């Protein structure tokens, strides 16, 4: 049976939650299961969350998985967040 890893629960996908927790192993697993790296949850992308945490390992991982660096929400882009968070 195929699992849908892109289901939204309380405005968050599993990838969003894994990114909030900076859990690189779970992020890798979800990406291997075809989680949508560019989905916008709670007005943030996975890359945006990674930049909020200034987590270089998972920023690199998301970029390797073709995360959209230009994705913009009402909160701005991941680049805006990276600049603010350092």
PDB file of N, CA and C in Angstrom:
ATOM      1  N   UNK A   1       0.836  -1.170   0.000  1.00  0.00           N
ATOM      2  CA  UNK A   1       0.000   0.000   0.000  1.00  0.00           C
ATOM      3  C   UNK A   1       0.890   1.245   0.000  1.00  0.00           C
ATOM      4  N   UNK A   2       0.594   2.167  -0.882  1.00  0.00           N
ATOM      5  CA  UNK A   2       1.374   3.396  -1.000  1.00  0.00           C
ATOM      6  C   UNK A   2       0.932   4.403   0.062  1.00  0.00           C
ATOM      7  N   UNK A   3       1.912   5.039   0.688  1.00  0.00           N
ATOM      8  CA  UNK A   3       1.638   6.030   1.725  1.00  0.00           C
ATOM      9  C   UNK A   3       1.724   7.437   1.142  1.00  0.00           C
ATOM     10  N   UNK A   4       0.830   8.312   1.553  1.00  0.00           N
ATOM     11  CA  UNK A   4       0.865   9.706   1.119  1.00  0.00           C
ATOM     12  C   UNK A   4       1.546  10.532   2.204  1.00  0.00           C
ATOM     13  N   UNK A   5       2.805  10.897   1.970  1.00  0.00           N
ATOM     14  CA  UNK A   5       3.570  11.652   2.965  1.00  0.00           C
ATOM     15  C   UNK A   5       3.283  13.146   2.890  1.00  0.00           C
ATOM     16  N   UNK A   6       2.437  13.562   1.966  1.00  0.00           N
ATOM     17  CA  UNK A   6       2.132  14.984   1.809  1.00  0.00           C
ATOM     18  C   UNK A   6       0.804  15.392   2.445  1.00  0.00           C
ATOM     19  N   UNK A   7       0.234  14.512   3.257  1.00  0.00           N
ATOM     20  CA  UNK A   7      -1.023  14.837   3.932  1.00  0.00           C
ATOM     21  C   UNK A   7      -0.780  15.975   4.916  1.00  0.00           C
ATOM     22  N   UNK A   8      -1.703  16.930   4.931  1.00  0.00           N
ATOM     23  CA  UNK A   8      -1.599  18.084   5.830  1.00  0.00           C
ATOM     24  C   UNK A   8      -2.471  17.837   7.053  1.00  0.00           C
ATOM     25  N   UNK A   9      -1.883  18.001   8.232  1.00  0.00           N
ATOM     26  CA  UNK A   9      -2.601  17.867   9.494  1.00  0.00           C
ATOM     27  C   UNK A   9      -2.309  19.109  10.328  1.00  0.00           C
ATOM     28  N   UNK A  10      -3.339  19.841  10.669  1.00  0.00           N
ATOM     29  CA  UNK A  10      -3.162  21.100  11.416  1.00  0.00           C
ATOM     30  C   UNK A  10      -2.196  22.042  10.710  1.00  0.00           C
ATOM     31  N   UNK A  11      -2.379  22.184   9.404  1.00  0.00           N
ATOM     32  CA  UNK A  11      -1.587  23.074   8.547  1.00  0.00           C
ATOM     33  C   UNK A  11      -0.125  22.656   8.410  1.00  0.00           C
ATOM     34  N   UNK A  12       0.197  21.400   8.731  1.00  0.00           N
ATOM     35  CA  UNK A  12       1.583  20.946   8.649  1.00  0.00           C
ATOM     36  C   UNK A  12       1.655  19.561   8.020  1.00  0.00           C
ATOM     37  N   UNK A  13       2.674  19.363   7.188  1.00  0.00           N
ATOM     38  CA  UNK A  13       2.968  18.035   6.662  1.00  0.00           C
ATOM     39  C   UNK A  13       4.040  17.401   7.546  1.00  0.00           C
ATOM     40  N   UNK A  14       4.291  16.125   7.323  1.00  0.00           N
ATOM     41  CA  UNK A  14       5.348  15.438   8.072  1.00  0.00           C
ATOM     42  C   UNK A  14       6.701  16.098   7.817  1.00  0.00           C
ATOM     43  N   UNK A  15       6.942  16.542   6.582  1.00  0.00           N
ATOM     44  CA  UNK A  15       8.212  17.203   6.267  1.00  0.00           C
ATOM     45  C   UNK A  15       8.339  18.503   7.051  1.00  0.00           C
ATOM     46  N   UNK A  16       7.273  19.247   7.156  1.00  0.00           N
ATOM     47  CA  UNK A  16       7.283  20.501   7.922  1.00  0.00           C
ATOM     48  C   UNK A  16       7.685  20.223   9.372  1.00  0.00           C
ATOM     49  N   UNK A  17       7.070  19.216   9.967  1.00  0.00           N
ATOM     50  CA  UNK A  17       7.364  18.880  11.367  1.00  0.00           C
ATOM     51  C   UNK A  17       8.805  18.417  11.517  1.00  0.00           C
ATOM     52  N   UNK A  18       9.281  17.587  10.595  1.00  0.00           N
ATOM     53  CA  UNK A  18      10.676  17.132  10.650  1.00  0.00           C
ATOM     54  C   UNK A  18      11.631  18.311  10.532  1.00  0.00           C
ATOM     55  N   UNK A  19      11.293  19.277   9.706  1.00  0.00           N
ATOM     56  CA  UNK A  19      12.133  20.468   9.552  1.00  0.00           C
ATOM     57  C   UNK A  19      12.097  21.330  10.808  1.00  0.00           C
ATOM     58  N   UNK A  20      10.926  21.467  11.410  1.00  0.00           N
ATOM     59  CA  UNK A  20      10.832  22.228  12.664  1.00  0.00           C
ATOM     60  C   UNK A  20      11.738  21.633  13.732  1.00  0.00           C
ATOM     61  N   UNK A  21      11.847  20.320  13.719  1.00  0.00           N
ATOM     62  CA  UNK A  21      12.645  19.624  14.739  1.00  0.00           C
ATOM     63  C   UNK A  21      14.085  19.408  14.300  1.00  0.00           C
ATOM     64  N   UNK A  22      14.423  19.894  13.113  1.00  0.00           N
ATOM     65  CA  UNK A  22      15.776  19.764  12.559  1.00  0.00           C
ATOM     66  C   UNK A  22      16.244  18.315  12.570  1.00  0.00           C
ATOM     67  N   UNK A  23      15.354  17.422  12.197  1.00  0.00           N
ATOM     68  CA  UNK A  23      15.642  15.993  12.203  1.00  0.00           C
ATOM     69  C   UNK A  23      16.081  15.535  10.813  1.00  0.00           C
ATOM     70  N   UNK A  24      17.385  15.640  10.562  1.00  0.00           N
ATOM     71  CA  UNK A  24      17.923  15.306   9.241  1.00  0.00           C
ATOM     72  C   UNK A  24      17.587  13.873   8.828  1.00  0.00           C
ATOM     73  N   UNK A  25      17.689  12.856   9.721  1.00  0.00           N
ATOM     74  CA  UNK A  25      17.328  11.494   9.287  1.00  0.00           C
ATOM     75  C   UNK A  25      15.880  11.394   8.799  1.00  0.00           C
ATOM     76  N   UNK A  26      14.956  12.039   9.503  1.00  0.00           N
ATOM     77  CA  UNK A  26      13.554  11.996   9.082  1.00  0.00           C
ATOM     78  C   UNK A  26      13.322  12.813   7.816  1.00  0.00           C
ATOM     79  N   UNK A  27      14.020  13.918   7.692  1.00  0.00           N
ATOM     80  CA  UNK A  27      13.913  14.717   6.467  1.00  0.00           C
ATOM     81  C   UNK A  27      14.359  13.874   5.279  1.00  0.00           C
ATOM     82  N   UNK A  28      15.497  13.179   5.421  1.00  0.00           N
ATOM     83  CA  UNK A  28      16.002  12.314   4.344  1.00  0.00           C
ATOM     84  C   UNK A  28      14.989  11.229   4.007  1.00  0.00           C
ATOM     85  N   UNK A  29      14.436  10.587   5.031  1.00  0.00           N
ATOM     86  CA  UNK A  29      13.459   9.520   4.814  1.00  0.00           C
ATOM     87  C   UNK A  29      12.231  10.044   4.075  1.00  0.00           C
ATOM     88  N   UNK A  30      11.702  11.175   4.510  1.00  0.00           N
ATOM     89  CA  UNK A  30      10.515  11.738   3.865  1.00  0.00           C
ATOM     90  C   UNK A  30      10.795  12.145   2.424  1.00  0.00           C
ATOM     91  N   UNK A  31      11.987  12.658   2.165  1.00  0.00           N
ATOM     92  CA  UNK A  31      12.340  13.027   0.791  1.00  0.00           C
ATOM     93  C   UNK A  31      12.488  11.783  -0.082  1.00  0.00           C
ATOM     94  N   UNK A  32      13.011  10.695   0.494  1.00  0.00           N
ATOM     95  CA  UNK A  32      13.098   9.430  -0.247  1.00  0.00           C
ATOM     96  C   UNK A  32      11.708   8.887  -0.561  1.00  0.00           C
ATOM     97  N   UNK A  33      10.732   9.241   0.272  1.00  0.00           N
ATOM     98  CA  UNK A  33       9.351   8.797   0.072  1.00  0.00           C
ATOM     99  C   UNK A  33       8.565   9.786  -0.789  1.00  0.00           C
ATOM    100  N   UNK A  34       9.293  10.672  -1.488  1.00  0.00           N
ATOM    101  CA  UNK A  34       8.707  11.647  -2.414  1.00  0.00           C
ATOM    102  C   UNK A  34       7.864  12.724  -1.744  1.00  0.00           C
ATOM    103  N   UNK A  35       8.274  13.127  -0.564  1.00  0.00           N
ATOM    104  CA  UNK A  35       7.623  14.272   0.069  1.00  0.00           C
ATOM    105  C   UNK A  35       7.880  15.502  -0.792  1.00  0.00           C
ATOM    106  N   UNK A  36       6.887  16.350  -0.923  1.00  0.00           N
ATOM    107  CA  UNK A  36       7.006  17.554  -1.753  1.00  0.00           C
ATOM    108  C   UNK A  36       7.862  18.587  -1.034  1.00  0.00           C
ATOM    109  N   UNK A  37       9.086  18.778  -1.510  1.00  0.00           N
ATOM    110  CA  UNK A  37      10.048  19.668  -0.869  1.00  0.00           C
ATOM    111  C   UNK A  37       9.630  21.134  -0.966  1.00  0.00           C
ATOM    112  N   UNK A  38       8.752  21.458  -1.888  1.00  0.00           N
ATOM    113  CA  UNK A  38       8.361  22.854  -2.099  1.00  0.00           C
ATOM    114  C   UNK A  38       6.962  23.197  -1.596  1.00  0.00           C
ATOM    115  N   UNK A  39       6.335  22.281  -0.892  1.00  0.00           N
ATOM    116  CA  UNK A  39       4.999  22.561  -0.379  1.00  0.00           C
ATOM    117  C   UNK A  39       5.081  23.690   0.651  1.00  0.00           C
ATOM    118  N   UNK A  40       4.064  24.538   0.660  1.00  0.00           N
ATOM    119  CA  UNK A  40       4.001  25.637   1.630  1.00  0.00           C
ATOM    120  C   UNK A  40       3.028  25.225   2.731  1.00  0.00           C
ATOM    121  N   UNK A  41       3.560  25.084   3.937  1.00  0.00           N
ATOM    122  CA  UNK A  41       2.758  24.750   5.114  1.00  0.00           C
ATOM    123  C   UNK A  41       2.821  25.921   6.074  1.00  0.00           C
ATOM    124  N   UNK A  42       1.680  26.318   6.584  1.00  0.00           N
ATOM    125  CA  UNK A  42       1.671  27.364   7.606  1.00  0.00           C
ATOM    126  C   UNK A  42       2.489  28.576   7.153  1.00  0.00           C
ATOM    127  N   UNK A  43       2.399  28.878   5.856  1.00  0.00           N
ATOM    128  CA  UNK A  43       3.084  30.008   5.213  1.00  0.00           C
ATOM    129  C   UNK A  43       4.607  29.883   5.195  1.00  0.00           C
ATOM    130  N   UNK A  44       5.126  28.655   5.250  1.00  0.00           N
ATOM    131  CA  UNK A  44       6.572  28.439   5.202  1.00  0.00           C
ATOM    132  C   UNK A  44       6.878  27.225   4.332  1.00  0.00           C
ATOM    133  N   UNK A  45       8.026  27.264   3.657  1.00  0.00           N
ATOM    134  CA  UNK A  45       8.527  26.089   2.948  1.00  0.00           C
ATOM    135  C   UNK A  45       9.543  25.390   3.851  1.00  0.00           C
ATOM    136  N   UNK A  46       9.912  24.169   3.491  1.00  0.00           N
ATOM    137  CA  UNK A  46      10.922  23.439   4.260  1.00  0.00           C
ATOM    138  C   UNK A  46      12.231  24.219   4.297  1.00  0.00           C
ATOM    139  N   UNK A  47      12.609  24.808   3.170  1.00  0.00           N
ATOM    140  CA  UNK A  47      13.846  25.581   3.120  1.00  0.00           C
ATOM    141  C   UNK A  47      13.753  26.808   4.021  1.00  0.00           C
ATOM    142  N   UNK A  48      12.610  27.433   4.063  1.00  0.00           N
ATOM    143  CA  UNK A  48      12.395  28.587   4.942  1.00  0.00           C
ATOM    144  C   UNK A  48      12.633  28.179   6.397  1.00  0.00           C
ATOM    145  N   UNK A  49      12.069  27.045   6.790  1.00  0.00           N
ATOM    146  CA  UNK A  49      12.230  26.559   8.165  1.00  0.00           C
ATOM    147  C   UNK A  49      13.696  26.242   8.447  1.00  0.00           C
ATOM    148  N   UNK A  50      14.361  25.611   7.496  1.00  0.00           N
ATOM    149  CA  UNK A  50      15.785  25.291   7.665  1.00  0.00           C
ATOM    150  C   UNK A  50      16.589  26.563   7.887  1.00  0.00           C
ATOM    151  N   UNK A  51      16.254  27.604   7.168  1.00  0.00           N
ATOM    152  CA  UNK A  51      16.961  28.879   7.322  1.00  0.00           C
ATOM    153  C   UNK A  51      16.630  29.538   8.654  1.00  0.00           C
ATOM    154  N   UNK A  52      15.406  29.359   9.135  1.00  0.00           N
ATOM    155  CA  UNK A  52      15.052  29.879  10.463  1.00  0.00           C
ATOM    156  C   UNK A  52      15.950  29.275  11.532  1.00  0.00           C
ATOM    157  N   UNK A  53      16.260  27.991  11.366  1.00  0.00           N
ATOM    158  CA  UNK A  53      17.092  27.278  12.336  1.00  0.00           C
ATOM    159  C   UNK A  53      18.581  27.429  12.042  1.00  0.00           C
ATOM    160  N   UNK A  54      18.913  28.057  10.925  1.00  0.00           N
ATOM    161  CA  UNK A  54      20.308  28.203  10.492  1.00  0.00           C
ATOM    162  C   UNK A  54      21.022  26.855  10.510  1.00  0.00           C
ATOM    163  N   UNK A  55      20.322  25.826  10.040  1.00  0.00           N
ATOM    164  CA  UNK A  55      20.860  24.468  10.036  1.00  0.00           C
ATOM    165  C   UNK A  55      21.478  24.150   8.677  1.00  0.00           C
ATOM    166  N   UNK A  56      22.778  24.323   8.592  1.00  0.00           N
ATOM    167  CA  UNK A  56      23.487  24.132   7.328  1.00  0.00           C
ATOM    168  C   UNK A  56      23.309  22.722   6.768  1.00  0.00           C
ATOM    169  N   UNK A  57      23.391  21.644   7.589  1.00  0.00           N
ATOM    170  CA  UNK A  57      23.226  20.301   7.007  1.00  0.00           C
ATOM    171  C   UNK A  57      21.899  20.120   6.291  1.00  0.00           C
ATOM    172  N   UNK A  58      20.814  20.597   6.883  1.00  0.00           N
ATOM    173  CA  UNK A  58      19.572  20.338   6.177  1.00  0.00           C
ATOM    174  C   UNK A  58      19.230  21.405   5.169  1.00  0.00           C
ATOM    175  N   UNK A  59      19.852  22.563   5.230  1.00  0.00           N
ATOM    176  CA  UNK A  59      19.745  23.524   4.125  1.00  0.00           C
ATOM    177  C   UNK A  59      20.388  22.907   2.886  1.00  0.00           C
ATOM    178  N   UNK A  60      21.587  22.331   3.063  1.00  0.00           N
ATOM    179  CA  UNK A  60      22.285  21.674   1.945  1.00  0.00           C
ATOM    180  C   UNK A  60      21.452  20.534   1.382  1.00  0.00           C
ATOM    181  N   UNK A  61      20.893  19.719   2.269  1.00  0.00           N
ATOM    182  CA  UNK A  61      20.078  18.582   1.841  1.00  0.00           C
ATOM    183  C   UNK A  61      18.884  19.046   1.011  1.00  0.00           C
ATOM    184  N   UNK A  62      18.188  20.064   1.468  1.00  0.00           N
ATOM    185  CA  UNK A  62      17.018  20.561   0.737  1.00  0.00           C
ATOM    186  C   UNK A  62      17.411  21.171  -0.600  1.00  0.00           C
ATOM    187  N   UNK A  63      18.555  21.840  -0.644  1.00  0.00           N
ATOM    188  CA  UNK A  63      19.027  22.395  -1.918  1.00  0.00           C
ATOM    189  C   UNK A  63      19.389  21.279  -2.889  1.00  0.00           C
ATOM    190  N   UNK A  64      19.992  20.198  -2.379  1.00  0.00           N
ATOM    191  CA  UNK A  64      20.312  19.039  -3.226  1.00  0.00           C
ATOM    192  C   UNK A  64      19.049  18.401  -3.792  1.00  0.00           C
ATOM    193  N   UNK A  65      17.941  18.534  -3.069  1.00  0.00           N
ATOM    194  CA  UNK A  65      16.664  17.948  -3.504  1.00  0.00           C
ATOM    195  C   UNK A  65      15.843  18.943  -4.327  1.00  0.00           C
ATOM    196  N   UNK A  66      16.513  19.978  -4.844  1.00  0.00           N
ATOM    197  CA  UNK A  66      15.891  20.971  -5.726  1.00  0.00           C
ATOM    198  C   UNK A  66      14.810  21.809  -5.058  1.00  0.00           C
ATOM    199  N   UNK A  67      15.034  22.152  -3.812  1.00  0.00           N
ATOM    200  CA  UNK A  67      14.126  23.069  -3.138  1.00  0.00           C
ATOM    201  C   UNK A  67      14.145  24.404  -3.879  1.00  0.00           C
ATOM    202  N   UNK A  68      12.988  25.000  -4.045  1.00  0.00           N
ATOM    203  CA  UNK A  68      12.866  26.255  -4.792  1.00  0.00           C
ATOM    204  C   UNK A  68      13.367  27.422  -3.943  1.00  0.00           C
ATOM    205  N   UNK A  69      14.538  27.941  -4.273  1.00  0.00           N
ATOM    206  CA  UNK A  69      15.132  29.036  -3.497  1.00  0.00           C
ATOM    207  C   UNK A  69      14.378  30.347  -3.691  1.00  0.00           C
ATOM    208  N   UNK A  70      13.556  30.430  -4.708  1.00  0.00           N
ATOM    209  CA  UNK A  70      12.806  31.657  -4.981  1.00  0.00           C
ATOM    210  C   UNK A  70      11.369  31.614  -4.474  1.00  0.00           C
ATOM    211  N   UNK A  71      10.991  30.509  -3.833  1.00  0.00           N
ATOM    212  CA  UNK A  71       9.620  30.395  -3.326  1.00  0.00           C
ATOM    213  C   UNK A  71       9.361  31.510  -2.326  1.00  0.00           C
ATOM    214  N   UNK A  72       8.254  32.202  -2.524  1.00  0.00           N
ATOM    215  CA  UNK A  72       7.932  33.343  -1.668  1.00  0.00           C
ATOM    216  C   UNK A  72       6.551  33.158  -1.060  1.00  0.00           C
ATOM    217  N   UNK A  73       6.437  33.484   0.203  1.00  0.00           N
ATOM    218  CA  UNK A  73       5.147  33.468   0.880  1.00  0.00           C
ATOM    219  C   UNK A  73       4.939  34.855   1.486  1.00  0.00           C
ATOM    220  N   UNK A  74       3.880  35.010   2.234  1.00  0.00           N
ATOM    221  CA  UNK A  74       3.634  36.304   2.876  1.00  0.00           C
ATOM    222  C   UNK A  74       4.723  36.641   3.888  1.00  0.00           C
ATOM    223  N   UNK A  75       5.504  35.656   4.281  1.00  0.00           N
ATOM    224  CA  UNK A  75       6.605  35.866   5.229  1.00  0.00           C
ATOM    225  C   UNK A  75       7.915  36.195   4.517  1.00  0.00           C
ATOM    226  N   UNK A  76       7.926  36.103   3.197  1.00  0.00           N
ATOM    227  CA  UNK A  76       9.142  36.360   2.424  1.00  0.00           C
ATOM    228  C   UNK A  76       9.729  35.063   1.888  1.00  0.00           C
ATOM    229  N   UNK A  77      11.005  35.094   1.560  1.00  0.00           N
ATOM    230  CA  UNK A  77      11.686  33.918   1.015  1.00  0.00           C
ATOM    231  C   UNK A  77      12.638  33.339   2.053  1.00  0.00           C
ATOM    232  N   UNK A  78      13.163  32.163   1.752  1.00  0.00           N
ATOM    233  CA  UNK A  78      14.161  31.542   2.624  1.00  0.00           C
ATOM    234  C   UNK A  78      15.388  32.437   2.741  1.00  0.00           C
ATOM    235  N   UNK A  79      15.747  33.117   1.657  1.00  0.00           N
ATOM    236  CA  UNK A  79      16.903  34.012   1.686  1.00  0.00           C
ATOM    237  C   UNK A  79      16.688  35.149   2.687  1.00  0.00           C
ATOM    238  N   UNK A  80      15.481  35.707   2.712  1.00  0.00           N
ATOM    239  CA  UNK A  80      15.181  36.752   3.702  1.00  0.00           C
ATOM    240  C   UNK A  80      15.416  36.227   5.115  1.00  0.00           C
ATOM    241  N   UNK A  81      14.929  35.025   5.357  1.00  0.00           N
ATOM    242  CA  UNK A  81      15.071  34.428   6.679  1.00  0.00           C
ATOM    243  C   UNK A  81      16.525  34.145   7.004  1.00  0.00           C
ATOM    244  N   UNK A  82      17.273  33.637   6.029  1.00  0.00           N
ATOM    245  CA  UNK A  82      18.696  33.356   6.251  1.00  0.00           C
ATOM    246  C   UNK A  82      19.434  34.634   6.634  1.00  0.00           C
ATOM    247  N   UNK A  83      19.099  35.720   5.983  1.00  0.00           N
ATOM    248  CA  UNK A  83      19.748  37.006   6.295  1.00  0.00           C
ATOM    249  C   UNK A  83      19.386  37.482   7.698  1.00  0.00           C
ATOM    250  N   UNK A  84      18.139  37.282   8.082  1.00  0.00           N
ATOM    251  CA  UNK A  84      17.694  37.722   9.406  1.00  0.00           C
ATOM    252  C   UNK A  84      18.248  36.854  10.530  1.00  0.00           C
ATOM    253  N   UNK A  85      18.334  35.548  10.267  1.00  0.00           N
ATOM    254  CA  UNK A  85      18.751  34.606  11.305  1.00  0.00           C
ATOM    255  C   UNK A  85      20.261  34.415  11.368  1.00  0.00           C
ATOM    256  N   UNK A  86      20.948  34.778  10.283  1.00  0.00           N
ATOM    257  CA  UNK A  86      22.406  34.672  10.247  1.00  0.00           C
ATOM    258  C   UNK A  86      22.849  33.287  10.041  1.00  0.00           C
TER     259      UNK A  86
END
